[in-house]
């Protein structure tokens, strides 16, 4: 072989080797980019899942809180309804003793034993229940007839004037 031809052959062989090396480098870089993309997608997916889980838990908590507030409001309304009913019964008959459960749909309220005797200085206690919520009212009545005069009407956590 001639030297020029040999140089040409070596150059072609070297060029092919360079192409193979370049191709291998390109494949390595592409594979590396693929792994980086895959890991990035996994991280984004994990973060998105964590955010979604947090939002779902917040939604459930908000729903539970709103249910508790609704039940508390309804139980107070039930206790006030029982108080009005008890005052009406006292006006109709000052000897009304209370000790009565009054159903209100699926809920209930209770009028406890009414304190005091006669027309003056009576104590009426009611309790409204809805679900787990319980609300209590203590009403001190100064006079029943001819005009009902309320001395105090307050919500309490624990009865202090009634048994």
N, C-alpha and C. Protein backbone atom coordinates (compact mmCIF):
# COMPACT_ATOMS: atom_id res chain seq x y z
N UNK A 1 0.81 -1.17 0.00
CA UNK A 1 0.00 0.00 0.00
C UNK A 1 0.86 1.23 0.00
N UNK A 2 0.36 2.19 -0.65
CA UNK A 2 1.08 3.43 -0.70
C UNK A 2 0.88 4.16 0.62
N UNK A 3 1.83 5.01 0.93
CA UNK A 3 1.77 5.75 2.19
C UNK A 3 0.59 6.68 2.20
N UNK A 4 0.29 7.33 1.15
CA UNK A 4 -0.84 8.25 1.13
C UNK A 4 -2.15 7.48 1.32
N UNK A 5 -2.19 6.33 0.71
CA UNK A 5 -3.38 5.51 0.85
C UNK A 5 -3.49 5.00 2.30
N UNK A 6 -2.35 4.62 2.88
CA UNK A 6 -2.31 4.17 4.27
C UNK A 6 -2.76 5.28 5.20
N UNK A 7 -2.27 6.53 4.95
CA UNK A 7 -2.69 7.67 5.77
C UNK A 7 -4.20 7.87 5.64
N UNK A 8 -4.66 7.73 4.45
CA UNK A 8 -6.09 7.91 4.22
C UNK A 8 -6.88 6.83 4.96
N UNK A 9 -6.38 5.61 4.92
CA UNK A 9 -7.06 4.50 5.61
C UNK A 9 -7.05 4.73 7.12
N UNK A 10 -5.90 5.14 7.69
CA UNK A 10 -5.80 5.40 9.13
C UNK A 10 -6.73 6.55 9.50
N UNK A 11 -6.77 7.58 8.68
CA UNK A 11 -7.61 8.73 8.95
C UNK A 11 -9.08 8.31 8.94
N UNK A 12 -9.46 7.48 7.99
CA UNK A 12 -10.84 7.01 7.94
C UNK A 12 -11.16 6.18 9.17
N UNK A 13 -10.22 5.33 9.55
CA UNK A 13 -10.44 4.47 10.72
C UNK A 13 -10.55 5.34 11.98
N UNK A 14 -9.66 6.30 12.09
CA UNK A 14 -9.70 7.19 13.25
C UNK A 14 -11.01 7.98 13.24
N UNK A 15 -11.45 8.44 12.09
CA UNK A 15 -12.70 9.18 11.98
C UNK A 15 -13.86 8.32 12.41
N UNK A 16 -13.85 7.06 12.02
CA UNK A 16 -14.93 6.15 12.41
C UNK A 16 -14.91 5.92 13.91
N UNK A 17 -13.69 5.75 14.46
CA UNK A 17 -13.59 5.59 15.92
C UNK A 17 -14.13 6.83 16.63
N UNK A 18 -13.80 7.99 16.12
CA UNK A 18 -14.30 9.23 16.71
C UNK A 18 -15.81 9.29 16.63
N UNK A 19 -16.34 8.82 15.50
CA UNK A 19 -17.80 8.82 15.36
C UNK A 19 -18.42 7.88 16.38
N UNK A 20 -17.82 6.73 16.56
CA UNK A 20 -18.35 5.77 17.53
C UNK A 20 -18.26 6.35 18.92
N UNK A 21 -17.15 6.98 19.24
CA UNK A 21 -16.99 7.59 20.56
C UNK A 21 -18.02 8.70 20.73
N UNK A 22 -18.18 9.52 19.66
CA UNK A 22 -19.16 10.59 19.73
C UNK A 22 -20.56 10.02 19.91
N UNK A 23 -20.85 8.97 19.19
CA UNK A 23 -22.16 8.37 19.31
C UNK A 23 -22.37 7.80 20.71
N UNK A 24 -21.34 7.15 21.26
CA UNK A 24 -21.46 6.62 22.61
C UNK A 24 -21.66 7.75 23.61
N UNK A 25 -20.93 8.86 23.43
CA UNK A 25 -21.09 10.01 24.32
C UNK A 25 -22.49 10.56 24.18
N UNK A 26 -22.97 10.63 22.97
CA UNK A 26 -24.31 11.16 22.75
C UNK A 26 -25.34 10.25 23.41
N UNK A 27 -25.20 8.94 23.28
CA UNK A 27 -26.12 8.00 23.92
C UNK A 27 -26.05 8.12 25.44
N UNK A 28 -24.85 8.28 25.98
CA UNK A 28 -24.68 8.42 27.42
C UNK A 28 -25.37 9.70 27.91
N UNK A 29 -25.16 10.78 27.16
CA UNK A 29 -25.79 12.04 27.55
C UNK A 29 -27.31 11.94 27.45
N UNK A 30 -27.80 11.33 26.42
CA UNK A 30 -29.24 11.17 26.25
C UNK A 30 -29.81 10.31 27.37
N UNK A 31 -29.11 9.23 27.70
CA UNK A 31 -29.57 8.36 28.78
C UNK A 31 -29.56 9.11 30.10
N UNK A 32 -28.51 9.90 30.33
CA UNK A 32 -28.41 10.68 31.56
C UNK A 32 -29.54 11.69 31.64
N UNK A 33 -29.82 12.34 30.51
CA UNK A 33 -30.93 13.28 30.47
C UNK A 33 -32.25 12.57 30.74
N UNK A 34 -32.40 11.38 30.25
CA UNK A 34 -33.62 10.59 30.47
C UNK A 34 -33.81 10.27 31.96
N UNK A 35 -32.72 9.89 32.61
CA UNK A 35 -32.81 9.61 34.06
C UNK A 35 -33.13 10.87 34.84
N UNK A 36 -32.54 11.97 34.47
CA UNK A 36 -32.82 13.24 35.14
C UNK A 36 -34.28 13.61 34.95
N UNK A 37 -34.80 13.44 33.74
CA UNK A 37 -36.20 13.72 33.47
C UNK A 37 -37.10 12.80 34.28
N UNK A 38 -36.77 11.52 34.34
CA UNK A 38 -37.56 10.56 35.09
C UNK A 38 -37.58 10.90 36.59
N UNK A 39 -36.43 11.22 37.14
CA UNK A 39 -36.34 11.58 38.56
C UNK A 39 -37.11 12.87 38.82
N UNK A 40 -37.00 13.85 37.92
CA UNK A 40 -37.74 15.11 38.07
C UNK A 40 -39.24 14.86 38.06
N UNK A 41 -39.70 14.02 37.16
CA UNK A 41 -41.14 13.70 37.10
C UNK A 41 -41.58 12.99 38.38
N UNK A 42 -40.75 12.09 38.89
CA UNK A 42 -41.09 11.41 40.14
C UNK A 42 -41.17 12.39 41.32
N UNK A 43 -40.24 13.32 41.39
CA UNK A 43 -40.24 14.31 42.47
C UNK A 43 -41.46 15.20 42.36
N UNK A 44 -41.76 15.68 41.16
CA UNK A 44 -42.95 16.52 40.96
C UNK A 44 -44.22 15.75 41.31
N UNK A 45 -44.27 14.49 40.94
CA UNK A 45 -45.42 13.65 41.29
C UNK A 45 -45.57 13.48 42.79
N UNK A 46 -44.47 13.29 43.48
CA UNK A 46 -44.52 13.13 44.94
C UNK A 46 -44.98 14.42 45.61
N UNK A 47 -44.47 15.55 45.14
CA UNK A 47 -44.88 16.85 45.71
C UNK A 47 -46.36 17.08 45.42
N UNK A 48 -46.81 16.80 44.21
CA UNK A 48 -48.22 16.98 43.86
C UNK A 48 -49.11 16.07 44.70
N UNK A 49 -48.67 14.84 44.93
CA UNK A 49 -49.44 13.92 45.78
C UNK A 49 -49.52 14.43 47.22
N UNK A 50 -48.43 14.97 47.73
CA UNK A 50 -48.44 15.52 49.09
C UNK A 50 -49.37 16.71 49.20
N UNK A 51 -49.34 17.58 48.20
CA UNK A 51 -50.23 18.75 48.20
C UNK A 51 -51.69 18.30 48.11
N UNK A 52 -51.98 17.36 47.25
CA UNK A 52 -53.34 16.85 47.09
C UNK A 52 -53.83 16.20 48.39
N UNK A 53 -52.98 15.42 49.03
CA UNK A 53 -53.36 14.79 50.30
C UNK A 53 -53.64 15.84 51.36
N UNK A 54 -52.82 16.87 51.42
CA UNK A 54 -53.03 17.95 52.39
C UNK A 54 -54.35 18.66 52.13
N UNK A 55 -54.65 18.93 50.88
CA UNK A 55 -55.91 19.59 50.55
C UNK A 55 -57.11 18.71 50.90
N UNK A 56 -57.01 17.42 50.67
CA UNK A 56 -58.10 16.52 51.03
C UNK A 56 -58.31 16.48 52.54
N UNK A 57 -57.22 16.42 53.29
CA UNK A 57 -57.34 16.41 54.75
C UNK A 57 -57.91 17.73 55.27
N UNK A 58 -57.51 18.84 54.68
CA UNK A 58 -58.07 20.14 55.06
C UNK A 58 -59.57 20.20 54.76
N UNK A 59 -59.96 19.66 53.64
CA UNK A 59 -61.38 19.63 53.27
C UNK A 59 -62.19 18.79 54.24
N UNK A 60 -61.66 17.65 54.63
CA UNK A 60 -62.35 16.79 55.59
C UNK A 60 -62.47 17.49 56.94
N UNK A 61 -61.38 18.14 57.38
CA UNK A 61 -61.41 18.86 58.66
C UNK A 61 -62.42 20.00 58.62
N UNK A 62 -62.44 20.74 57.53
CA UNK A 62 -63.39 21.85 57.41
C UNK A 62 -64.83 21.33 57.44
N UNK A 63 -65.06 20.20 56.83
CA UNK A 63 -66.40 19.60 56.84
C UNK A 63 -66.80 19.20 58.25
N UNK A 64 -65.88 18.62 59.00
CA UNK A 64 -66.17 18.22 60.38
C UNK A 64 -66.43 19.43 61.26
N UNK A 65 -65.66 20.49 61.07
CA UNK A 65 -65.86 21.71 61.86
C UNK A 65 -67.22 22.32 61.54
N UNK A 66 -67.58 22.37 60.27
CA UNK A 66 -68.88 22.96 59.91
C UNK A 66 -70.03 22.12 60.45
N UNK A 67 -69.87 20.80 60.50
CA UNK A 67 -70.90 19.94 61.09
C UNK A 67 -71.02 20.22 62.58
N UNK A 68 -69.90 20.39 63.27
CA UNK A 68 -69.93 20.69 64.71
C UNK A 68 -70.60 22.03 64.98
N UNK A 69 -70.28 23.02 64.17
CA UNK A 69 -70.91 24.35 64.34
C UNK A 69 -72.40 24.25 64.10
N UNK A 70 -72.81 23.52 63.08
CA UNK A 70 -74.23 23.34 62.78
C UNK A 70 -74.94 22.66 63.94
N UNK A 71 -74.35 21.59 64.46
CA UNK A 71 -74.96 20.88 65.59
C UNK A 71 -75.05 21.76 66.82
N UNK A 72 -74.01 22.56 67.09
CA UNK A 72 -74.03 23.46 68.25
C UNK A 72 -75.13 24.50 68.10
N UNK A 73 -75.30 25.04 66.90
CA UNK A 73 -76.34 26.03 66.66
C UNK A 73 -77.73 25.41 66.84
N UNK A 74 -77.92 24.21 66.31
CA UNK A 74 -79.21 23.54 66.44
C UNK A 74 -79.50 23.18 67.89
N UNK A 75 -78.48 22.73 68.63
CA UNK A 75 -78.73 22.36 70.02
C UNK A 75 -79.07 23.59 70.86
N UNK A 76 -78.47 24.75 70.57
CA UNK A 76 -78.84 25.99 71.27
C UNK A 76 -80.27 26.39 70.92
N UNK A 77 -80.64 26.26 69.66
CA UNK A 77 -82.02 26.56 69.25
C UNK A 77 -83.00 25.63 69.96
N UNK A 78 -82.62 24.36 70.10
CA UNK A 78 -83.49 23.41 70.82
C UNK A 78 -83.64 23.80 72.28
N UNK A 79 -82.53 24.18 72.92
CA UNK A 79 -82.59 24.60 74.33
C UNK A 79 -83.45 25.84 74.48
N UNK A 80 -83.35 26.79 73.54
CA UNK A 80 -84.17 28.00 73.61
C UNK A 80 -85.64 27.68 73.36
N UNK A 81 -85.90 26.75 72.46
CA UNK A 81 -87.29 26.31 72.23
C UNK A 81 -87.88 25.68 73.47
N UNK A 82 -87.09 24.86 74.15
CA UNK A 82 -87.56 24.25 75.41
C UNK A 82 -87.80 25.31 76.47
N UNK A 83 -86.95 26.32 76.51
CA UNK A 83 -87.12 27.40 77.48
C UNK A 83 -88.43 28.14 77.22
N UNK A 84 -88.71 28.44 75.97
CA UNK A 84 -89.98 29.10 75.63
C UNK A 84 -91.17 28.21 76.00
N UNK A 85 -91.05 26.93 75.71
CA UNK A 85 -92.11 25.98 76.05
C UNK A 85 -92.31 25.92 77.57
N UNK A 86 -91.21 25.86 78.31
CA UNK A 86 -91.29 25.83 79.77
C UNK A 86 -91.91 27.09 80.35
N UNK A 87 -91.54 28.26 79.79
CA UNK A 87 -92.15 29.51 80.24
C UNK A 87 -93.65 29.54 79.95
N UNK A 88 -94.04 29.05 78.79
CA UNK A 88 -95.45 28.97 78.45
C UNK A 88 -96.20 28.07 79.42
N UNK A 89 -95.62 26.91 79.71
CA UNK A 89 -96.26 25.97 80.65
C UNK A 89 -96.37 26.59 82.04
N UNK A 90 -95.33 27.34 82.46
CA UNK A 90 -95.38 28.01 83.77
C UNK A 90 -96.47 29.08 83.80
N UNK A 91 -96.65 29.79 82.73
CA UNK A 91 -97.71 30.81 82.67
C UNK A 91 -99.08 30.14 82.73
N UNK A 92 -99.22 28.98 82.07
CA UNK A 92 -100.50 28.26 82.09
C UNK A 92 -100.78 27.66 83.45
N UNK A 93 -99.71 27.17 84.10
CA UNK A 93 -99.87 26.53 85.41
C UNK A 93 -98.60 26.78 86.23
N UNK A 94 -98.66 27.69 87.20
CA UNK A 94 -97.48 27.98 88.01
C UNK A 94 -96.96 26.77 88.79
N UNK A 95 -97.74 25.71 88.87
CA UNK A 95 -97.28 24.50 89.57
C UNK A 95 -96.54 23.54 88.64
N UNK A 96 -96.35 23.91 87.39
CA UNK A 96 -95.63 23.06 86.43
C UNK A 96 -94.23 22.78 86.98
N UNK A 97 -93.86 21.49 87.05
CA UNK A 97 -92.60 21.09 87.70
C UNK A 97 -91.46 20.84 86.72
N UNK A 98 -91.73 20.76 85.43
CA UNK A 98 -90.65 20.46 84.48
C UNK A 98 -90.41 18.97 84.38
N UNK A 99 -89.14 18.55 84.42
CA UNK A 99 -88.77 17.13 84.30
C UNK A 99 -89.39 16.50 83.06
N UNK A 100 -89.08 17.08 81.91
CA UNK A 100 -89.76 16.64 80.69
C UNK A 100 -88.76 16.61 79.53
N UNK A 101 -88.82 15.55 78.74
CA UNK A 101 -88.08 15.46 77.48
C UNK A 101 -89.02 15.83 76.36
N UNK A 102 -88.56 16.69 75.47
CA UNK A 102 -89.40 17.11 74.34
C UNK A 102 -88.67 16.74 73.05
N UNK A 103 -89.26 15.83 72.26
CA UNK A 103 -88.61 15.48 70.99
C UNK A 103 -88.79 16.59 69.97
N UNK A 104 -87.71 16.86 69.26
CA UNK A 104 -87.74 17.86 68.17
C UNK A 104 -87.15 17.17 66.95
N UNK A 105 -88.01 16.58 66.15
CA UNK A 105 -87.54 15.77 65.02
C UNK A 105 -86.78 14.57 65.55
N UNK A 106 -85.54 14.39 65.11
CA UNK A 106 -84.71 13.29 65.61
C UNK A 106 -83.92 13.73 66.84
N UNK A 107 -83.95 15.03 67.14
CA UNK A 107 -83.22 15.57 68.28
C UNK A 107 -84.16 15.69 69.48
N UNK A 108 -83.62 16.19 70.58
CA UNK A 108 -84.47 16.37 71.75
C UNK A 108 -83.94 17.49 72.62
N UNK A 109 -84.81 17.97 73.49
CA UNK A 109 -84.39 18.90 74.52
C UNK A 109 -85.03 18.46 75.82
N UNK A 110 -84.47 18.93 76.90
CA UNK A 110 -84.95 18.51 78.22
C UNK A 110 -85.19 19.75 79.08
N UNK A 111 -86.32 19.74 79.78
CA UNK A 111 -86.60 20.74 80.80
C UNK A 111 -86.35 20.05 82.13
N UNK A 112 -85.38 20.56 82.86
CA UNK A 112 -85.06 19.97 84.16
C UNK A 112 -86.10 20.42 85.19
N UNK A 113 -86.00 19.88 86.40
CA UNK A 113 -86.93 20.25 87.47
C UNK A 113 -86.84 21.75 87.70
N UNK A 114 -87.99 22.41 87.70
CA UNK A 114 -88.04 23.86 87.86
C UNK A 114 -87.92 24.20 89.34
N UNK A 115 -87.01 25.11 89.63
CA UNK A 115 -86.77 25.50 91.01
C UNK A 115 -87.71 26.59 91.47
N UNK A 116 -87.98 26.63 92.77
CA UNK A 116 -88.84 27.66 93.35
C UNK A 116 -90.29 27.22 93.39
N UNK A 117 -91.09 28.03 94.09
CA UNK A 117 -92.52 27.72 94.25
C UNK A 117 -93.30 29.01 94.02
N UNK A 118 -94.46 28.87 93.38
CA UNK A 118 -95.35 30.01 93.24
C UNK A 118 -95.04 30.87 92.04
N UNK A 119 -95.38 32.16 92.17
CA UNK A 119 -95.33 33.10 91.07
C UNK A 119 -93.98 33.82 90.94
N UNK A 120 -93.20 33.87 92.00
CA UNK A 120 -91.96 34.65 92.00
C UNK A 120 -90.73 33.78 92.22
N UNK A 121 -89.59 34.31 91.74
CA UNK A 121 -88.27 33.70 91.97
C UNK A 121 -88.23 32.22 91.60
N UNK A 122 -88.38 31.94 90.33
CA UNK A 122 -88.33 30.57 89.81
C UNK A 122 -87.09 30.43 88.95
N UNK A 123 -86.61 29.19 88.82
CA UNK A 123 -85.44 28.89 87.99
C UNK A 123 -85.83 27.80 87.00
N UNK A 124 -85.60 28.10 85.72
CA UNK A 124 -85.91 27.16 84.64
C UNK A 124 -84.60 26.81 83.94
N UNK A 125 -84.29 25.52 83.86
CA UNK A 125 -83.06 25.06 83.18
C UNK A 125 -83.45 24.12 82.05
N UNK A 126 -82.86 24.36 80.89
CA UNK A 126 -83.12 23.51 79.72
C UNK A 126 -81.80 23.07 79.11
N UNK A 127 -81.89 21.96 78.38
CA UNK A 127 -80.71 21.39 77.74
C UNK A 127 -81.10 20.89 76.35
N UNK A 128 -80.42 21.38 75.33
CA UNK A 128 -80.67 20.93 73.96
C UNK A 128 -79.54 20.02 73.50
N UNK A 129 -79.91 18.93 72.83
CA UNK A 129 -78.91 17.96 72.35
C UNK A 129 -79.12 17.70 70.86
N UNK A 130 -78.02 17.80 70.12
CA UNK A 130 -78.00 17.42 68.71
C UNK A 130 -76.67 16.74 68.45
N UNK A 131 -76.71 15.47 68.11
CA UNK A 131 -75.47 14.72 67.91
C UNK A 131 -74.64 14.71 69.18
N UNK A 132 -73.40 15.15 69.07
CA UNK A 132 -72.52 15.21 70.24
C UNK A 132 -72.58 16.57 70.95
N UNK A 133 -73.32 17.49 70.39
CA UNK A 133 -73.38 18.85 70.93
C UNK A 133 -74.48 18.98 71.98
N UNK A 134 -74.12 19.57 73.11
CA UNK A 134 -75.08 19.82 74.19
C UNK A 134 -74.95 21.28 74.59
N UNK A 135 -76.08 22.00 74.63
CA UNK A 135 -76.09 23.40 75.07
C UNK A 135 -77.11 23.54 76.20
N UNK A 136 -76.74 24.31 77.22
CA UNK A 136 -77.56 24.44 78.43
C UNK A 136 -77.92 25.90 78.69
N UNK A 137 -79.16 26.12 79.12
CA UNK A 137 -79.62 27.45 79.49
C UNK A 137 -80.14 27.45 80.92
N UNK A 138 -79.79 28.49 81.65
CA UNK A 138 -80.35 28.74 82.99
C UNK A 138 -81.11 30.05 82.93
N UNK A 139 -82.37 30.00 83.32
CA UNK A 139 -83.22 31.19 83.26
C UNK A 139 -83.75 31.45 84.67
N UNK A 140 -83.47 32.63 85.19
CA UNK A 140 -83.99 33.04 86.49
C UNK A 140 -85.19 33.95 86.21
N UNK A 141 -86.36 33.52 86.72
CA UNK A 141 -87.60 34.24 86.47
C UNK A 141 -87.96 35.03 87.74
N UNK A 142 -88.06 36.33 87.59
CA UNK A 142 -88.41 37.17 88.73
C UNK A 142 -89.90 37.05 89.02
N UNK A 143 -90.73 37.05 87.97
CA UNK A 143 -92.19 36.98 88.14
C UNK A 143 -92.79 36.28 86.93
N UNK A 144 -93.81 35.46 87.17
CA UNK A 144 -94.47 34.74 86.07
C UNK A 144 -95.72 35.49 85.60
N UNK A 145 -96.61 35.81 86.51
CA UNK A 145 -97.88 36.47 86.17
C UNK A 145 -98.00 37.78 86.93
N UNK A 146 -98.69 38.77 86.50
CA UNK A 146 -99.46 38.90 85.26
C UNK A 146 -98.55 39.12 84.05
N UNK A 147 -97.35 39.61 84.28
CA UNK A 147 -96.40 39.81 83.20
C UNK A 147 -95.13 39.07 83.56
N UNK A 148 -94.62 38.24 82.64
CA UNK A 148 -93.41 37.47 82.93
C UNK A 148 -92.20 38.39 82.88
N UNK A 149 -91.43 38.39 83.97
CA UNK A 149 -90.22 39.21 84.05
C UNK A 149 -89.03 38.29 84.29
N UNK A 150 -88.10 38.32 83.35
CA UNK A 150 -86.90 37.48 83.40
C UNK A 150 -85.78 38.28 84.05
N UNK A 151 -85.17 37.70 85.08
CA UNK A 151 -84.04 38.35 85.74
C UNK A 151 -82.75 38.08 84.96
N UNK A 152 -82.54 36.83 84.55
CA UNK A 152 -81.37 36.49 83.73
C UNK A 152 -81.69 35.29 82.84
N UNK A 153 -81.05 35.29 81.70
CA UNK A 153 -81.20 34.20 80.72
C UNK A 153 -79.80 34.00 80.16
N UNK A 154 -79.15 32.91 80.58
CA UNK A 154 -77.76 32.73 80.15
C UNK A 154 -77.45 31.28 79.80
N UNK A 155 -76.51 31.15 78.88
CA UNK A 155 -76.02 29.82 78.52
C UNK A 155 -74.89 29.48 79.47
N UNK A 156 -74.90 28.24 79.96
CA UNK A 156 -73.88 27.80 80.91
C UNK A 156 -73.29 26.47 80.44
N UNK A 157 -72.07 26.21 80.87
CA UNK A 157 -71.44 24.93 80.54
C UNK A 157 -71.93 23.84 81.49
N UNK A 158 -72.11 24.22 82.77
CA UNK A 158 -72.59 23.30 83.80
C UNK A 158 -73.66 24.03 84.61
N UNK A 159 -74.75 23.32 84.89
CA UNK A 159 -75.82 23.95 85.67
C UNK A 159 -75.35 24.23 87.09
N UNK A 160 -75.66 25.43 87.59
CA UNK A 160 -75.32 25.75 88.98
C UNK A 160 -76.58 26.02 89.80
N UNK A 161 -77.69 26.35 89.14
CA UNK A 161 -78.93 26.68 89.85
C UNK A 161 -79.95 25.55 89.81
N UNK A 162 -79.70 24.54 89.04
CA UNK A 162 -80.65 23.43 88.89
C UNK A 162 -80.00 22.11 89.30
N UNK A 163 -80.86 21.13 89.60
CA UNK A 163 -80.35 19.81 89.96
C UNK A 163 -80.14 18.98 88.72
